[in-house]
PDB file of N, CA and C in Angstrom:
ATOM      1  N   MET A   1      68.918 141.797 125.433  1.00  0.00           N
ATOM      2  CA  MET A   1      68.040 142.239 124.781  1.00  0.00           C
ATOM      3  C   MET A   1      67.039 143.282 125.534  1.00  0.00           C
ATOM      4  N   SER A   2      66.884 144.361 124.819  1.00  0.00           N
ATOM      5  CA  SER A   2      66.686 145.109 125.427  1.00  0.00           C
ATOM      6  C   SER A   2      65.190 145.223 125.192  1.00  0.00           C
ATOM      7  N   THR A   3      64.184 145.904 126.158  1.00  0.00           N
ATOM      8  CA  THR A   3      62.414 145.810 126.034  1.00  0.00           C
ATOM      9  C   THR A   3      61.973 147.372 125.665  1.00  0.00           C
ATOM     10  N   LEU A   4      60.588 147.208 125.076  1.00  0.00           N
ATOM     11  CA  LEU A   4      60.313 148.548 125.116  1.00  0.00           C
ATOM     12  C   LEU A   4      59.321 148.760 125.985  1.00  0.00           C
ATOM     13  N   PRO A   5      59.369 150.584 126.018  1.00  0.00           N
ATOM     14  CA  PRO A   5      58.332 150.650 127.745  1.00  0.00           C
ATOM     15  C   PRO A   5      57.093 150.183 127.157  1.00  0.00           C
ATOM     16  N   THR A   6      56.085 149.856 127.572  1.00  0.00           N
ATOM     17  CA  THR A   6      54.753 149.679 127.461  1.00  0.00           C
ATOM     18  C   THR A   6      54.052 150.364 126.280  1.00  0.00           C
ATOM     19  N   SER A   7      54.345 151.599 126.694  1.00  0.00           N
ATOM     20  CA  SER A   7      53.411 152.795 126.185  1.00  0.00           C
ATOM     21  C   SER A   7      54.170 152.726 124.393  1.00  0.00           C
ATOM     22  N   ALA A   8      55.280 152.076 124.144  1.00  0.00           N
ATOM     23  CA  ALA A   8      55.781 152.321 122.834  1.00  0.00           C
ATOM     24  C   ALA A   8      55.333 150.905 121.883  1.00  0.00           C
ATOM     25  N   THR A   9      54.626 149.861 123.034  1.00  0.00           N
ATOM     26  CA  THR A   9      54.491 148.764 121.909  1.00  0.00           C
ATOM     27  C   THR A   9      52.553 148.693 121.915  1.00  0.00           C
ATOM     28  N   SER A  10      52.268 148.515 120.948  1.00  0.00           N
ATOM     29  CA  SER A  10      50.492 148.335 120.833  1.00  0.00           C
ATOM     30  C   SER A  10      50.110 146.981 121.092  1.00  0.00           C
ATOM     31  N   ASP A  11      48.807 147.160 121.686  1.00  0.00           N
ATOM     32  CA  ASP A  11      47.837 146.240 122.026  1.00  0.00           C
ATOM     33  C   ASP A  11      48.676 144.728 121.561  1.00  0.00           C
ATOM     34  N   ALA A  12      48.092 145.054 120.076  1.00  0.00           N
ATOM     35  CA  ALA A  12      48.526 143.536 119.447  1.00  0.00           C
ATOM     36  C   ALA A  12      50.077 143.189 119.611  1.00  0.00           C
ATOM     37  N   GLN A  13      50.665 144.074 119.856  1.00  0.00           N
ATOM     38  CA  GLN A  13      52.311 143.747 120.167  1.00  0.00           C
ATOM     39  C   GLN A  13      52.439 143.304 121.715  1.00  0.00           C
ATOM     40  N   GLN A  14      51.779 143.492 122.626  1.00  0.00           N
ATOM     41  CA  GLN A  14      51.538 143.283 124.064  1.00  0.00           C
ATOM     42  C   GLN A  14      50.719 141.606 123.763  1.00  0.00           C
ATOM     43  N   GLN A  15      49.690 141.505 123.458  1.00  0.00           N
ATOM     44  CA  GLN A  15      49.091 140.431 123.184  1.00  0.00           C
ATOM     45  C   GLN A  15      49.975 139.052 122.637  1.00  0.00           C
ATOM     46  N   GLU A  16      50.655 139.481 121.535  1.00  0.00           N
ATOM     47  CA  GLU A  16      51.879 138.591 121.043  1.00  0.00           C
ATOM     48  C   GLU A  16      52.978 138.046 121.691  1.00  0.00           C
ATOM     49  N   ASN A  17      53.194 139.036 122.413  1.00  0.00           N
ATOM     50  CA  ASN A  17      54.462 139.164 123.516  1.00  0.00           C
ATOM     51  C   ASN A  17      53.994 137.948 124.738  1.00  0.00           C
ATOM     52  N   ALA A  18      52.831 138.520 125.242  1.00  0.00           N
ATOM     53  CA  ALA A  18      52.153 137.534 126.117  1.00  0.00           C
ATOM     54  C   ALA A  18      51.907 135.833 125.968  1.00  0.00           C
ATOM     55  N   GLN A  19      51.371 135.936 124.423  1.00  0.00           N
ATOM     56  CA  GLN A  19      51.103 134.849 124.257  1.00  0.00           C
ATOM     57  C   GLN A  19      52.757 133.980 124.028  1.00  0.00           C
ATOM     58  N   LEU A  20      53.823 134.623 123.495  1.00  0.00           N
ATOM     59  CA  LEU A  20      55.106 133.879 123.478  1.00  0.00           C
ATOM     60  C   LEU A  20      55.726 133.451 124.802  1.00  0.00           C
ATOM     61  N   ALA A  21      55.372 134.266 125.834  1.00  0.00           N
ATOM     62  CA  ALA A  21      55.550 134.036 127.139  1.00  0.00           C
ATOM     63  C   ALA A  21      55.078 133.093 127.695  1.00  0.00           C
ATOM     64  N   THR A  22      53.971 132.814 127.421  1.00  0.00           N
ATOM     65  CA  THR A  22      52.983 131.668 128.313  1.00  0.00           C
ATOM     66  C   THR A  22      53.152 130.128 127.335  1.00  0.00           C
ATOM     67  N   PRO A  23      53.531 129.144 128.270  1.00  0.00           N
ATOM     68  CA  PRO A  23      53.586 128.040 127.493  1.00  0.00           C
ATOM     69  C   PRO A  23      52.384 127.408 126.941  1.00  0.00           C
ATOM     70  N   ASP A  24      52.449 127.010 125.838  1.00  0.00           N
ATOM     71  CA  ASP A  24      51.296 126.178 125.577  1.00  0.00           C
ATOM     72  C   ASP A  24      50.966 125.140 126.450  1.00  0.00           C
ATOM     73  N   PRO A  25      49.918 124.874 127.144  1.00  0.00           N
ATOM     74  CA  PRO A  25      49.580 123.176 127.630  1.00  0.00           C
ATOM     75  C   PRO A  25      49.545 122.149 126.994  1.00  0.00           C
ATOM     76  N   ALA A  26      49.376 122.393 125.401  1.00  0.00           N
ATOM     77  CA  ALA A  26      49.262 121.328 124.424  1.00  0.00           C
ATOM     78  C   ALA A  26      50.845 120.618 124.198  1.00  0.00           C
ATOM     79  N   ALA A  27      51.601 121.780 124.320  1.00  0.00           N
ATOM     80  CA  ALA A  27      53.343 121.423 123.976  1.00  0.00           C
ATOM     81  C   ALA A  27      53.437 120.300 124.972  1.00  0.00           C
ATOM     82  N   PRO A  28      54.415 119.541 124.480  1.00  0.00           N
ATOM     83  CA  PRO A  28      55.179 118.350 125.158  1.00  0.00           C
ATOM     84  C   PRO A  28      56.032 118.899 126.162  1.00  0.00           C
ATOM     85  N   ALA A  29      56.188 118.578 127.623  1.00  0.00           N
ATOM     86  CA  ALA A  29      56.793 119.160 128.333  1.00  0.00           C
ATOM     87  C   ALA A  29      58.488 118.591 127.934  1.00  0.00           C
ATOM     88  N   THR A  30      59.539 119.469 127.821  1.00  0.00           N
ATOM     89  CA  THR A  30      60.914 119.140 127.727  1.00  0.00           C
ATOM     90  C   THR A  30      61.145 118.187 128.611  1.00  0.00           C
ATOM     91  N   PRO A  31      61.858 116.839 128.102  1.00  0.00           N
ATOM     92  CA  PRO A  31      62.359 115.815 128.723  1.00  0.00           C
ATOM     93  C   PRO A  31      63.656 116.065 129.731  1.00  0.00           C
ATOM     94  N   ALA A  32      64.048 115.826 131.073  1.00  0.00           N
ATOM     95  CA  ALA A  32      64.683 116.082 131.913  1.00  0.00           C
ATOM     96  C   ALA A  32      65.451 114.802 131.362  1.00  0.00           C
ATOM     97  N   PRO A  33      67.241 115.432 131.724  1.00  0.00           N
ATOM     98  CA  PRO A  33      68.044 114.545 131.269  1.00  0.00           C
ATOM     99  C   PRO A  33      68.098 113.309 132.208  1.00  0.00           C
ATOM    100  N   LEU A  34      68.466 112.037 131.498  1.00  0.00           N
ATOM    101  CA  LEU A  34      68.201 110.860 132.376  1.00  0.00           C
ATOM    102  C   LEU A  34      69.510 110.461 132.580  1.00  0.00           C
ATOM    103  N   THR A  35      69.144 109.694 134.278  1.00  0.00           N
ATOM    104  CA  THR A  35      70.851 109.288 134.606  1.00  0.00           C
ATOM    105  C   THR A  35      70.446 107.515 134.925  1.00  0.00           C
ATOM    106  N   PRO A  36      71.412 107.105 134.796  1.00  0.00           N
ATOM    107  CA  PRO A  36      71.870 105.655 134.992  1.00  0.00           C
ATOM    108  C   PRO A  36      70.787 105.122 136.706  1.00  0.00           C
ATOM    109  N   GLN A  37      70.318 105.828 137.246  1.00  0.00           N
ATOM    110  CA  GLN A  37      69.944 105.878 138.435  1.00  0.00           C
ATOM    111  C   GLN A  37      68.505 105.701 138.311  1.00  0.00           C
ATOM    112  N   ASP A  38      67.882 106.844 137.629  1.00  0.00           N
ATOM    113  CA  ASP A  38      66.753 106.730 137.182  1.00  0.00           C
ATOM    114  C   ASP A  38      66.269 105.416 136.457  1.00  0.00           C
ATOM    115  N   VAL A  39      67.004 104.907 135.788  1.00  0.00           N
ATOM    116  CA  VAL A  39      66.794 103.382 134.985  1.00  0.00           C
ATOM    117  C   VAL A  39      66.750 102.440 135.891  1.00  0.00           C
ATOM    118  N   LEU A  40      67.872 102.057 136.712  1.00  0.00           N
ATOM    119  CA  LEU A  40      67.926 101.210 137.382  1.00  0.00           C
ATOM    120  C   LEU A  40      68.251 101.806 138.673  1.00  0.00           C
ATOM    121  N   ALA A  41      67.555 101.308 139.778  1.00  0.00           N
ATOM    122  CA  ALA A  41      68.354 102.305 140.913  1.00  0.00           C
ATOM    123  C   ALA A  41      69.641 101.125 141.670  1.00  0.00           C
ATOM    124  N   ASP A  42      70.199 101.978 142.750  1.00  0.00           N
ATOM    125  CA  ASP A  42      71.674 101.144 143.387  1.00  0.00           C
ATOM    126  C   ASP A  42      70.729  99.957 143.659  1.00  0.00           C
ATOM    127  N   GLY A  43      71.585  98.762 143.441  1.00  0.00           N
ATOM    128  CA  GLY A  43      71.171  97.437 143.985  1.00  0.00           C
ATOM    129  C   GLY A  43      70.389  96.726 143.082  1.00  0.00           C
ATOM    130  N   GLN A  44      69.543  97.314 142.125  1.00  0.00           N
ATOM    131  CA  GLN A  44      68.643  96.703 141.152  1.00  0.00           C
ATOM    132  C   GLN A  44      69.203  96.228 140.388  1.00  0.00           C
ATOM    133  N   GLU A  45      68.741  94.795 139.576  1.00  0.00           N
ATOM    134  CA  GLU A  45      69.897  94.083 138.962  1.00  0.00           C
ATOM    135  C   GLU A  45      69.094  93.826 137.432  1.00  0.00           C
ATOM    136  N   GLN A  46      67.581  94.005 137.466  1.00  0.00           N
ATOM    137  CA  GLN A  46      66.765  94.469 136.078  1.00  0.00           C
ATOM    138  C   GLN A  46      65.660  94.836 136.402  1.00  0.00           C
ATOM    139  N   ALA A  47      64.964  95.431 134.908  1.00  0.00           N
ATOM    140  CA  ALA A  47      63.903  95.671 134.743  1.00  0.00           C
ATOM    141  C   ALA A  47      62.926  95.579 133.930  1.00  0.00           C
ATOM    142  N   GLU A  48      61.440  95.392 133.823  1.00  0.00           N
ATOM    143  CA  GLU A  48      61.003  95.636 132.734  1.00  0.00           C
ATOM    144  C   GLU A  48      60.844  96.661 131.833  1.00  0.00           C
ATOM    145  N   PHE A  49      61.288  96.404 130.658  1.00  0.00           N
ATOM    146  CA  PHE A  49      61.218  97.548 129.616  1.00  0.00           C
ATOM    147  C   PHE A  49      60.375  96.935 128.350  1.00  0.00           C
ATOM    148  N   ASN A  50      59.361  97.667 127.773  1.00  0.00           N
ATOM    149  CA  ASN A  50      58.870  97.181 126.561  1.00  0.00           C
ATOM    150  C   ASN A  50      58.044  95.179 126.762  1.00  0.00           C
ATOM    151  N   GLY A  51      57.872  95.006 127.702  1.00  0.00           N
ATOM    152  CA  GLY A  51      57.676  93.699 128.419  1.00  0.00           C
ATOM    153  C   GLY A  51      58.416  92.868 128.352  1.00  0.00           C
ATOM    154  N   VAL A  52      59.480  93.131 128.549  1.00  0.00           N
ATOM    155  CA  VAL A  52      61.038  91.898 128.358  1.00  0.00           C
ATOM    156  C   VAL A  52      61.716  92.725 129.370  1.00  0.00           C
ATOM    157  N   LEU A  53      61.935  91.334 130.137  1.00  0.00           N
ATOM    158  CA  LEU A  53      63.096  91.579 131.389  1.00  0.00           C
ATOM    159  C   LEU A  53      64.140  91.958 131.135  1.00  0.00           C
ATOM    160  N   VAL A  54      64.981  92.944 131.446  1.00  0.00           N
ATOM    161  CA  VAL A  54      66.180  93.111 130.794  1.00  0.00           C
ATOM    162  C   VAL A  54      67.251  93.458 132.276  1.00  0.00           C
ATOM    163  N   ARG A  55      68.360  92.642 132.166  1.00  0.00           N
ATOM    164  CA  ARG A  55      69.378  92.448 133.391  1.00  0.00           C
ATOM    165  C   ARG A  55      70.567  93.832 132.805  1.00  0.00           C
ATOM    166  N   LYS A  56      70.234  94.108 134.174  1.00  0.00           N
ATOM    167  CA  LYS A  56      71.851  95.869 133.806  1.00  0.00           C
ATOM    168  C   LYS A  56      72.700  94.751 133.355  1.00  0.00           C
ATOM    169  N   GLY A  57      73.392  95.652 132.407  1.00  0.00           N
ATOM    170  CA  GLY A  57      74.618  95.192 131.852  1.00  0.00           C
ATOM    171  C   GLY A  57      74.446  94.886 130.390  1.00  0.00           C
ATOM    172  N   SER A  58      72.911  94.682 130.553  1.00  0.00           N
ATOM    173  CA  SER A  58      73.141  94.261 128.809  1.00  0.00           C
ATOM    174  C   SER A  58      73.611  95.008 127.941  1.00  0.00           C
ATOM    175  N   ILE A  59      73.803  96.139 127.742  1.00  0.00           N
ATOM    176  CA  ILE A  59      74.381  96.740 126.998  1.00  0.00           C
ATOM    177  C   ILE A  59      76.124  96.679 126.840  1.00  0.00           C
ATOM    178  N   ALA A  60      76.565  96.861 127.931  1.00  0.00           N
ATOM    179  CA  ALA A  60      78.055  96.359 128.236  1.00  0.00           C
ATOM    180  C   ALA A  60      78.377  95.102 127.515  1.00  0.00           C
ATOM    181  N   ALA A  61      77.714  94.389 127.805  1.00  0.00           N
ATOM    182  CA  ALA A  61      77.838  92.826 127.484  1.00  0.00           C
ATOM    183  C   ALA A  61      77.659  93.033 125.805  1.00  0.00           C
ATOM    184  N   PHE A  62      76.778  93.268 125.292  1.00  0.00           N
ATOM    185  CA  PHE A  62      76.667  93.285 123.693  1.00  0.00           C
ATOM    186  C   PHE A  62      78.189  94.095 122.885  1.00  0.00           C
ATOM    187  N   ILE A  63      78.241  94.948 123.848  1.00  0.00           N
ATOM    188  CA  ILE A  63      79.357  96.002 123.080  1.00  0.00           C
ATOM    189  C   ILE A  63      80.884  95.015 123.219  1.00  0.00           C
ATOM    190  N   GLY A  64      80.870  94.387 124.640  1.00  0.00           N
ATOM    191  CA  GLY A  64      82.063  93.779 124.937  1.00  0.00           C
ATOM    192  C   GLY A  64      82.015  92.424 123.794  1.00  0.00           C
ATOM    193  N   ASN A  65      80.729  91.788 123.436  1.00  0.00           N
ATOM    194  CA  ASN A  65      80.919  90.371 122.634  1.00  0.00           C
ATOM    195  C   ASN A  65      81.207  91.124 121.056  1.00  0.00           C
ATOM    196  N   ALA A  66      80.336  92.036 120.772  1.00  0.00           N
ATOM    197  CA  ALA A  66      80.732  92.488 119.441  1.00  0.00           C
ATOM    198  C   ALA A  66      82.188  92.904 119.049  1.00  0.00           C
ATOM    199  N   LYS A  67      82.914  93.694 119.716  1.00  0.00           N
ATOM    200  CA  LYS A  67      84.477  93.363 119.536  1.00  0.00           C
ATOM    201  C   LYS A  67      85.087  92.425 119.947  1.00  0.00           C
ATOM    202  N   ALA A  68      84.632  91.053 120.723  1.00  0.00           N
ATOM    203  CA  ALA A  68      84.995  90.178 120.813  1.00  0.00           C
ATOM    204  C   ALA A  68      84.885  89.648 119.074  1.00  0.00           C
ATOM    205  N   LEU A  69      83.933  89.711 118.987  1.00  0.00           N
ATOM    206  CA  LEU A  69      83.783  88.979 117.873  1.00  0.00           C
ATOM    207  C   LEU A  69      84.885  89.344 116.565  1.00  0.00           C
ATOM    208  N   GLU A  70      85.122  90.509 116.581  1.00  0.00           N
ATOM    209  CA  GLU A  70      86.121  90.721 115.733  1.00  0.00           C
ATOM    210  C   GLU A  70      87.502  90.178 115.884  1.00  0.00           C
ATOM    211  N   ASN A  71      87.428  90.046 116.717  1.00  0.00           N
ATOM    212  CA  ASN A  71      88.957  89.279 116.596  1.00  0.00           C
ATOM    213  C   ASN A  71      89.149  87.564 116.585  1.00  0.00           C
ATOM    214  N   LEU A  72      87.736  86.884 116.753  1.00  0.00           N
ATOM    215  CA  LEU A  72      87.573  85.250 116.619  1.00  0.00           C
ATOM    216  C   LEU A  72      87.505  85.113 115.012  1.00  0.00           C
ATOM    217  N   GLU A  73      88.320  83.872 115.023  1.00  0.00           N
ATOM    218  CA  GLU A  73      87.962  83.319 113.358  1.00  0.00           C
ATOM    219  C   GLU A  73      86.447  82.693 113.110  1.00  0.00           C
ATOM    220  N   PRO A  74      85.521  83.107 112.180  1.00  0.00           N
ATOM    221  CA  PRO A  74      84.886  82.279 112.018  1.00  0.00           C
ATOM    222  C   PRO A  74      84.622  80.720 111.957  1.00  0.00           C
ATOM    223  N   GLY A  75      83.655  80.108 112.404  1.00  0.00           N
ATOM    224  CA  GLY A  75      83.646  78.603 112.399  1.00  0.00           C
ATOM    225  C   GLY A  75      84.169  77.941 113.457  1.00  0.00           C
ATOM    226  N   THR A  76      84.860  78.826 114.392  1.00  0.00           N
ATOM    227  CA  THR A  76      85.149  78.397 115.405  1.00  0.00           C
ATOM    228  C   THR A  76      84.312  78.617 116.493  1.00  0.00           C
ATOM    229  N   SER A  77      84.587  77.281 117.493  1.00  0.00           N
ATOM    230  CA  SER A  77      83.192  77.275 118.901  1.00  0.00           C
ATOM    231  C   SER A  77      83.229  78.715 119.517  1.00  0.00           C
ATOM    232  N   GLU A  78      84.756  79.175 119.776  1.00  0.00           N
ATOM    233  CA  GLU A  78      84.676  80.486 120.837  1.00  0.00           C
ATOM    234  C   GLU A  78      83.866  81.371 119.729  1.00  0.00           C
ATOM    235  N   HIS A  79      83.855  81.529 118.333  1.00  0.00           N
ATOM    236  CA  HIS A  79      83.291  82.477 117.690  1.00  0.00           C
ATOM    237  C   HIS A  79      81.681  82.165 117.718  1.00  0.00           C
ATOM    238  N   GLU A  80      81.289  80.882 117.566  1.00  0.00           N
ATOM    239  CA  GLU A  80      79.917  80.893 117.628  1.00  0.00           C
ATOM    240  C   GLU A  80      79.293  81.141 118.918  1.00  0.00           C
ATOM    241  N   ALA A  81      80.030  80.588 119.925  1.00  0.00           N
ATOM    242  CA  ALA A  81      79.428  80.931 121.640  1.00  0.00           C
ATOM    243  C   ALA A  81      79.184  82.697 121.613  1.00  0.00           C
ATOM    244  N   VAL A  82      80.002  83.556 121.065  1.00  0.00           N
ATOM    245  CA  VAL A  82      79.910  84.886 121.164  1.00  0.00           C
ATOM    246  C   VAL A  82      78.873  85.316 120.664  1.00  0.00           C
ATOM    247  N   ALA A  83      78.788  84.719 119.032  1.00  0.00           N
ATOM    248  CA  ALA A  83      77.612  85.275 117.875  1.00  0.00           C
ATOM    249  C   ALA A  83      76.426  84.644 118.852  1.00  0.00           C
ATOM    250  N   GLN A  84      76.292  83.336 119.467  1.00  0.00           N
ATOM    251  CA  GLN A  84      75.221  83.336 120.155  1.00  0.00           C
ATOM    252  C   GLN A  84      74.756  84.256 121.372  1.00  0.00           C
ATOM    253  N   GLN A  85      75.638  84.327 122.033  1.00  0.00           N
ATOM    254  CA  GLN A  85      75.572  85.270 122.992  1.00  0.00           C
ATOM    255  C   GLN A  85      74.847  86.963 122.579  1.00  0.00           C
ATOM    256  N   ILE A  86      75.195  87.645 121.460  1.00  0.00           N
ATOM    257  CA  ILE A  86      74.579  88.489 120.576  1.00  0.00           C
ATOM    258  C   ILE A  86      73.383  88.310 120.356  1.00  0.00           C
ATOM    259  N   ARG A  87      73.283  86.967 120.034  1.00  0.00           N
ATOM    260  CA  ARG A  87      71.582  86.984 119.199  1.00  0.00           C
ATOM    261  C   ARG A  87      70.562  86.666 120.454  1.00  0.00           C
ATOM    262  N   ASP A  88      71.210  86.012 121.651  1.00  0.00           N
ATOM    263  CA  ASP A  88      70.478  86.219 122.772  1.00  0.00           C
ATOM    264  C   ASP A  88      70.044  87.120 123.362  1.00  0.00           C
ATOM    265  N   LEU A  89      71.390  88.292 123.432  1.00  0.00           N
ATOM    266  CA  LEU A  89      70.808  89.763 124.009  1.00  0.00           C
ATOM    267  C   LEU A  89      70.067  90.550 122.834  1.00  0.00           C
ATOM    268  N   LYS A  90      69.808  90.186 121.362  1.00  0.00           N
ATOM    269  CA  LYS A  90      68.919  91.359 120.721  1.00  0.00           C
ATOM    270  C   LYS A  90      67.210  91.471 121.329  1.00  0.00           C
ATOM    271  N   PRO A  91      66.904  90.655 122.069  1.00  0.00           N
ATOM    272  CA  PRO A  91      65.103  90.813 122.436  1.00  0.00           C
ATOM    273  C   PRO A  91      65.568  92.025 123.612  1.00  0.00           C
ATOM    274  N   ALA A  92      66.427  91.991 124.470  1.00  0.00           N
ATOM    275  CA  ALA A  92      66.838  92.998 125.358  1.00  0.00           C
ATOM    276  C   ALA A  92      67.135  94.278 125.051  1.00  0.00           C
ATOM    277  N   LEU A  93      67.858  94.159 123.833  1.00  0.00           N
ATOM    278  CA  LEU A  93      68.415  95.484 123.009  1.00  0.00           C
ATOM    279  C   LEU A  93      67.333  96.297 122.319  1.00  0.00           C
ATOM    280  N   ASP A  94      66.438  95.095 121.594  1.00  0.00           N
ATOM    281  CA  ASP A  94      65.214  95.981 121.090  1.00  0.00           C
ATOM    282  C   ASP A  94      64.372  96.312 122.193  1.00  0.00           C
ATOM    283  N   ALA A  95      64.295  95.678 123.005  1.00  0.00           N
ATOM    284  CA  ALA A  95      63.281  96.399 124.215  1.00  0.00           C
ATOM    285  C   ALA A  95      63.736  97.876 125.015  1.00  0.00           C
ATOM    286  N   LEU A  96      64.909  97.993 124.664  1.00  0.00           N
ATOM    287  CA  LEU A  96      65.577  99.232 125.480  1.00  0.00           C
ATOM    288  C   LEU A  96      65.398 100.308 123.962  1.00  0.00           C
ATOM    289  N   GLU A  97      65.196  99.688 123.013  1.00  0.00           N
ATOM    290  CA  GLU A  97      65.074 100.713 121.650  1.00  0.00           C
ATOM    291  C   GLU A  97      66.538 100.976 121.246  1.00  0.00           C
ATOM    292  N   LEU A  98      67.520 100.443 121.649  1.00  0.00           N
ATOM    293  CA  LEU A  98      68.704 101.109 121.206  1.00  0.00           C
ATOM    294  C   LEU A  98      68.767 101.293 119.702  1.00  0.00           C
ATOM    295  N   PHE A  99      68.425 100.050 119.094  1.00  0.00           N
ATOM    296  CA  PHE A  99      68.825 100.136 117.483  1.00  0.00           C
ATOM    297  C   PHE A  99      67.647 101.224 116.695  1.00  0.00           C
ATOM    298  N   ASP A 100      66.943 102.172 117.539  1.00  0.00           N
ATOM    299  CA  ASP A 100      66.444 103.106 117.091  1.00  0.00           C
ATOM    300  C   ASP A 100      67.340 104.459 117.228  1.00  0.00           C
ATOM    301  N   VAL A 101      68.267 104.355 117.978  1.00  0.00           N
ATOM    302  CA  VAL A 101      69.276 105.649 117.966  1.00  0.00           C
ATOM    303  C   VAL A 101      70.797 105.065 117.637  1.00  0.00           C
ATOM    304  N   VAL A 102      71.044 103.756 117.691  1.00  0.00           N
ATOM    305  CA  VAL A 102      72.122 103.300 117.244  1.00  0.00           C
ATOM    306  C   VAL A 102      72.406 102.461 115.979  1.00  0.00           C
ATOM    307  N   GLU A 103      73.273 102.652 115.162  1.00  0.00           N
ATOM    308  CA  GLU A 103      73.417 102.098 113.821  1.00  0.00           C
ATOM    309  C   GLU A 103      74.724 100.942 113.945  1.00  0.00           C
ATOM    310  N   ILE A 104      74.380  99.881 113.815  1.00  0.00           N
ATOM    311  CA  ILE A 104      75.606  98.684 113.820  1.00  0.00           C
ATOM    312  C   ILE A 104      76.667  98.999 112.396  1.00  0.00           C
ATOM    313  N   ARG A 105      77.807  99.430 112.885  1.00  0.00           N
ATOM    314  CA  ARG A 105      78.878  99.369 111.690  1.00  0.00           C
ATOM    315  C   ARG A 105      79.433  98.262 111.142  1.00  0.00           C
ATOM    316  N   ASN A 106      79.566  97.181 112.222  1.00  0.00           N
ATOM    317  CA  ASN A 106      80.276  95.575 112.134  1.00  0.00           C
ATOM    318  C   ASN A 106      79.276  95.293 111.185  1.00  0.00           C
ATOM    319  N   PRO A 107      79.347  94.873 110.163  1.00  0.00           N
ATOM    320  CA  PRO A 107      78.925  93.803 109.096  1.00  0.00           C
ATOM    321  C   PRO A 107      78.704  92.751 109.642  1.00  0.00           C
ATOM    322  N   ASP A 108      79.460  92.137 110.299  1.00  0.00           N
ATOM    323  CA  ASP A 108      79.249  90.588 111.078  1.00  0.00           C
ATOM    324  C   ASP A 108      78.055  90.773 111.903  1.00  0.00           C
ATOM    325  N   VAL A 109      78.094  91.784 113.291  1.00  0.00           N
ATOM    326  CA  VAL A 109      77.580  91.952 114.016  1.00  0.00           C
ATOM    327  C   VAL A 109      75.742  92.160 113.275  1.00  0.00           C
ATOM    328  N   ALA A 110      75.976  93.052 112.577  1.00  0.00           N
ATOM    329  CA  ALA A 110      74.494  93.590 111.844  1.00  0.00           C
ATOM    330  C   ALA A 110      74.026  92.319 111.101  1.00  0.00           C
ATOM    331  N   ALA A 111      74.991  91.091 110.614  1.00  0.00           N
ATOM    332  CA  ALA A 111      74.305  89.982 110.120  1.00  0.00           C
ATOM    333  C   ALA A 111      73.560  89.354 111.365  1.00  0.00           C
ATOM    334  N   LEU A 112      74.093  89.113 111.885  1.00  0.00           N
ATOM    335  CA  LEU A 112      73.992  88.366 113.327  1.00  0.00           C
ATOM    336  C   LEU A 112      72.422  89.122 113.775  1.00  0.00           C
ATOM    337  N   LEU A 113      72.404  90.228 114.046  1.00  0.00           N
ATOM    338  CA  LEU A 113      70.982  90.790 114.309  1.00  0.00           C
ATOM    339  C   LEU A 113      70.120  91.047 113.578  1.00  0.00           C
ATOM    340  N   ALA A 114      70.193  91.101 112.199  1.00  0.00           N
ATOM    341  CA  ALA A 114      69.276  90.692 111.247  1.00  0.00           C
ATOM    342  C   ALA A 114      68.675  89.499 110.710  1.00  0.00           C
ATOM    343  N   SER A 115      69.557  88.324 111.487  1.00  0.00           N
ATOM    344  CA  SER A 115      68.907  86.818 111.270  1.00  0.00           C
ATOM    345  C   SER A 115      68.011  86.887 112.153  1.00  0.00           C
ATOM    346  N   GLY A 116      67.663  87.411 113.257  1.00  0.00           N
ATOM    347  CA  GLY A 116      66.946  86.861 113.928  1.00  0.00           C
ATOM    348  C   GLY A 116      65.784  87.748 113.871  1.00  0.00           C
ATOM    349  N   PRO A 117      64.441  87.716 115.133  1.00  0.00           N
ATOM    350  CA  PRO A 117      63.224  88.500 114.679  1.00  0.00           C
ATOM    351  C   PRO A 117      63.852  89.529 115.780  1.00  0.00           C
ATOM    352  N   ARG A 118      63.092  90.724 115.311  1.00  0.00           N
ATOM    353  CA  ARG A 118      62.732  91.845 115.772  1.00  0.00           C
ATOM    354  C   ARG A 118      61.549  92.281 116.627  1.00  0.00           C
TER     355      ARG A 118
END
């Protein structure tokens, strides 16, 4: 990108360029990338999110249980145990706002999540 010499730009153009180059103090800051260590420091097992105490591993446990549910026969004690764990994890996942950015594609898991309070 080339710039014009100052003498070739009008005063109005110079003012407009200065405004474009100056950040708007009312504009929100660009968020920095978030790392796992930013969320939970090494050695930290849990943290409070939106008023709910959430253990580390909650999202991984949810994913593992959702995948396991696909291979279990409905009505069995194994299926019910996994389904209950998914229901038990829902408050933590809601507190993390997971479902604001992720859509559940498995209809059985979606139904389990919809059956409880949000």
